[in-house]
Amino acid sequence: MIYKVPFVSIAKQYKKHSKALNKVFSECASSGQYILGDKVEEFEENLAKICASKYCLTVGNGTDALIIGLKLLGVNFNDEVILPVNSFIASAGAVVACGAKPVFCDVDKTLNIDTTKILALITKNTKAIMPVHLTGRPANMDIIIQIANDYNLKIIEDAAQAIGAKYYGRPVGSFGEVGAFSLHPLKNFFIMGDGGFITTNSHALYERGKLLRNHGLVNRDTAIEWGVNSRLDAIHCSIGIEKLKNFDQNTERFRQIALLYSKNLEGFVEVPQETDYEFSVFHNFVIQTEFRDELINYLTKFGIETKIHYPIPLHLQPAAKNLGYRKGDFPVAEEINLKQLSLPIYPEIQDKEIFYVIEKIKTFFIEKSSSRKVA
């Protein structure tokens, strides 16, 4: 039997909870309070608790969370921000949007920033380090914090893919001066549309953040600094409050699926190996194999959709050509780039679909091994 296994299935989650979600939508719509207000504040308080942060500030999307977060840290023209070269374009784009320069760092086998290579990148213009908790896997924060302290640098965590992930039991987004998260529908926790939020333990940064997301306005008519319009609306926050009721259950499901993949695929492909300091939420489950492209074609033939995160490393993006990087500058990231493949992982995927994916991957390698022996 051939199943059709999509990479994501957002509609399934809505269908499962449609009655409750439609109810909160109707209640918020009837209230007439659409921008800011009680529901926004309630959602922010709930998110702050999950991230073990004193304050949370919702914004229009994850990229705005990064841009506003960088501005809160004073990142400006001629500043440099060190970040991993293996990430989504928004990580570097947010730095550029502040007028600063992204300085790329290679990654290690975890796909996160290689902390042993950060020191060599620090200059007199370095203002901040931006660790990215890629695939929902926490970066090695102890070393990053030590480097930041030694060189008087700020830390902004790009936790867009990692809501609920923990480092030695402490949630990501609570280590740096600022944490930036995404609520996009492709994230491990999402609302019905785009959205993002910022976490911080600084009351001063929180209060200024409220200004920056709302045109710098202190009241209807007076702006004390130039800001932007990046307010997450009350309807999205109402939906978010309802969906948070299933947050722990969904997080556990992500981890269960990852465990099934890991146990059954180890020895056939390279699978993520959690270390003692990690609690990963597996926004993506990334395997590695030198036969990646062949495997994609094989799985597609059997109705299994996969993705590559990301097919073009940041330093080789056309937008980055003025930064002066060349192919070969980041050998680990470039090697991983040729081997990595993301498998379907979301709470609504059925066990039979997971084992179908596992079976087809195993069959691919068994057939490949047999053909080699015959040859």
Foldseek 3Di string as FASTA:
>chain_A
DFDFAELDDLVVVCVVCVVVLVVLLVVVVVVPAKFDDDLQVVLFVVLCVLQVFPGKAKWQWLLVQLLLVCVLLVQAALAEEEAALQADLSNQVSSVVRNYHYDHAFPDPLSWGDLVGVVVRDDPRYAAYETECPQQKDDPVVSVVVVCVVVVHFYEYADQQHRNKFFQNHHPQERTQKYKYWQDSLHQHHFPHTIIMMGHRDPVSNVVSVCQCCQCDPDPPDHPDGHHPITDISSRSSRSVVSVVCNVVFLVLLVVLLVVCCVLCPVLWAWDDDDPGIDGSRSWTKTFDLCAVVLCVQVVVSNFHKAQSPLAGNCRDPVNVVVPDDPPPHVVSVVRSNTIITGRGGNPDDPVVSVVSSVSSVVVSVVVVVVVVVD
